[in-house]
């Protein structure tokens, strides 16, 4: 499910983005699915709609976006825009399969 509008802050943190609650929740959930080694929060954000305010980014989410962007891109702009590189990278990493975990069971077939 894509986001509809930007979340985070523009202009070095001076201006709030649209920050729709459902979009903030989507980005937070994606960050929670990404391991810390890749800049994610690995399940520690755990935001819920009742804790998110319309038009104002959750400060923990904002900082997590910055950490993710620095880790992945070497710099940060502090916001996640629809169909742009940060959301695409978040989705790629959040839904990547772990090669160490088998995707099928190796159950022998009966003779």
Protein backbone atom coordinates (compact mmCIF):
# COMPACT_ATOMS: atom_id res chain seq x y z
CA UNK A 1 0.00 0.00 0.00
CA UNK A 2 1.64 3.28 -1.08
CA UNK A 3 1.65 6.52 0.87
CA UNK A 4 -0.46 9.40 -0.44
CA UNK A 5 1.56 12.38 0.78
CA UNK A 6 4.94 13.26 2.25
CA UNK A 7 5.73 12.51 5.87
CA UNK A 8 8.46 14.10 7.95
CA UNK A 9 9.78 17.65 7.80
CA UNK A 10 11.09 19.84 4.96
CA UNK A 11 13.65 22.67 5.02
CA UNK A 12 16.02 21.11 7.57
CA UNK A 13 13.20 20.38 9.99
CA UNK A 14 11.58 23.81 9.84
CA UNK A 15 8.39 22.86 7.97
CA UNK A 16 6.05 19.93 8.58
CA UNK A 17 5.06 17.80 5.59
CA UNK A 18 1.43 16.71 5.12
CA UNK A 19 1.93 13.92 7.67
CA UNK A 20 -1.31 12.05 7.15
CA UNK A 21 -1.75 9.62 10.07
CA UNK A 22 -2.16 6.56 7.82
CA UNK A 23 1.02 7.48 5.92
CA UNK A 24 2.98 7.99 9.14
CA UNK A 25 1.77 4.60 10.32
CA UNK A 26 2.75 2.97 7.02
CA UNK A 27 6.30 4.35 7.15
CA UNK A 28 6.65 3.46 10.85
CA UNK A 29 5.50 -0.10 10.15
CA UNK A 30 7.99 -0.42 7.29
CA UNK A 31 10.82 0.90 9.46
CA UNK A 32 9.84 -1.63 12.13
CA UNK A 33 10.27 -4.43 9.57
CA UNK A 34 13.78 -3.31 8.58
CA UNK A 35 16.74 -4.54 10.67
CA UNK A 36 18.83 -1.99 12.56
CA UNK A 37 21.86 -3.06 10.52
CA UNK A 38 20.08 -1.57 7.48
CA UNK A 39 18.90 1.60 9.23
CA UNK A 40 15.50 0.33 10.37
CA UNK A 41 13.97 0.31 13.83
CA UNK A 42 13.54 -3.47 14.02
CA UNK A 43 10.18 -3.34 15.79
CA UNK A 44 10.88 -0.58 18.30
CA UNK A 45 8.68 2.26 16.94
CA UNK A 46 5.38 0.44 17.30
CA UNK A 47 3.26 3.51 16.50
CA UNK A 48 -0.53 3.28 16.46
CA UNK A 49 -3.10 5.59 14.90
CA UNK A 50 -4.33 6.79 18.29
CA UNK A 51 -0.83 8.18 19.02
CA UNK A 52 -0.33 9.96 15.68
CA UNK A 53 -1.45 13.54 15.09
CA UNK A 54 -2.60 14.75 11.68
CA UNK A 55 -0.14 17.22 10.16
CA UNK A 56 2.58 16.74 12.77
CA UNK A 57 5.15 14.00 12.37
CA UNK A 58 5.85 11.84 15.39
CA UNK A 59 9.31 12.95 16.53
CA UNK A 60 10.59 9.38 16.95
CA UNK A 61 9.43 8.60 13.41
CA UNK A 62 11.15 11.71 12.05
CA UNK A 63 14.45 10.74 13.71
CA UNK A 64 14.08 7.13 12.47
CA UNK A 65 13.62 8.37 8.90
CA UNK A 66 16.82 10.39 9.22
CA UNK A 67 18.76 7.39 10.54
CA UNK A 68 17.41 5.21 7.72
CA UNK A 69 18.28 7.75 5.03
CA UNK A 70 21.79 8.31 6.41
CA UNK A 71 22.40 4.56 6.54
CA UNK A 72 21.02 3.87 3.06
CA UNK A 73 21.97 7.00 1.12
CA UNK A 74 24.74 8.72 3.10
CA UNK A 75 22.62 11.84 3.64
CA UNK A 76 19.16 12.79 4.85
CA UNK A 77 16.41 15.18 3.82
CA UNK A 78 14.10 14.17 6.70
CA UNK A 79 11.02 13.29 4.68
CA UNK A 80 9.53 10.35 2.80
CA UNK A 81 7.74 11.18 -0.45
CA UNK A 82 5.31 9.01 -2.44
CA UNK A 83 7.01 6.87 -5.10
CA UNK A 84 10.47 8.26 -4.35
CA UNK A 85 13.68 6.53 -3.31
CA UNK A 86 13.16 6.39 0.47
CA UNK A 87 9.75 4.69 0.35
CA UNK A 88 10.93 2.38 -2.44
CA UNK A 89 14.00 1.36 -0.43
CA UNK A 90 11.92 0.88 2.73
CA UNK A 91 9.51 -1.41 0.88
CA UNK A 92 12.36 -3.31 -0.75
CA UNK A 93 14.09 -3.99 2.57
CA UNK A 94 10.95 -4.57 4.62
CA UNK A 95 9.66 -7.24 2.27
CA UNK A 96 12.98 -8.87 1.35
CA UNK A 97 13.19 -12.52 2.25
CA UNK A 98 15.95 -13.63 4.57
CA UNK A 99 18.18 -16.04 2.62
CA UNK A 100 19.05 -17.83 5.88
CA UNK A 101 15.42 -18.83 6.37
CA UNK A 102 14.04 -21.53 4.08
CA UNK A 103 10.94 -20.51 2.18
CA UNK A 104 9.75 -24.09 1.78
CA UNK A 105 9.95 -27.12 3.98
CA UNK A 106 12.15 -29.92 2.80
CA UNK A 107 9.83 -32.74 3.74
CA UNK A 108 10.67 -35.99 1.96
CA UNK A 109 7.97 -37.37 -0.28
CA UNK A 110 6.48 -40.72 0.79
CA UNK A 111 7.53 -43.76 -1.27
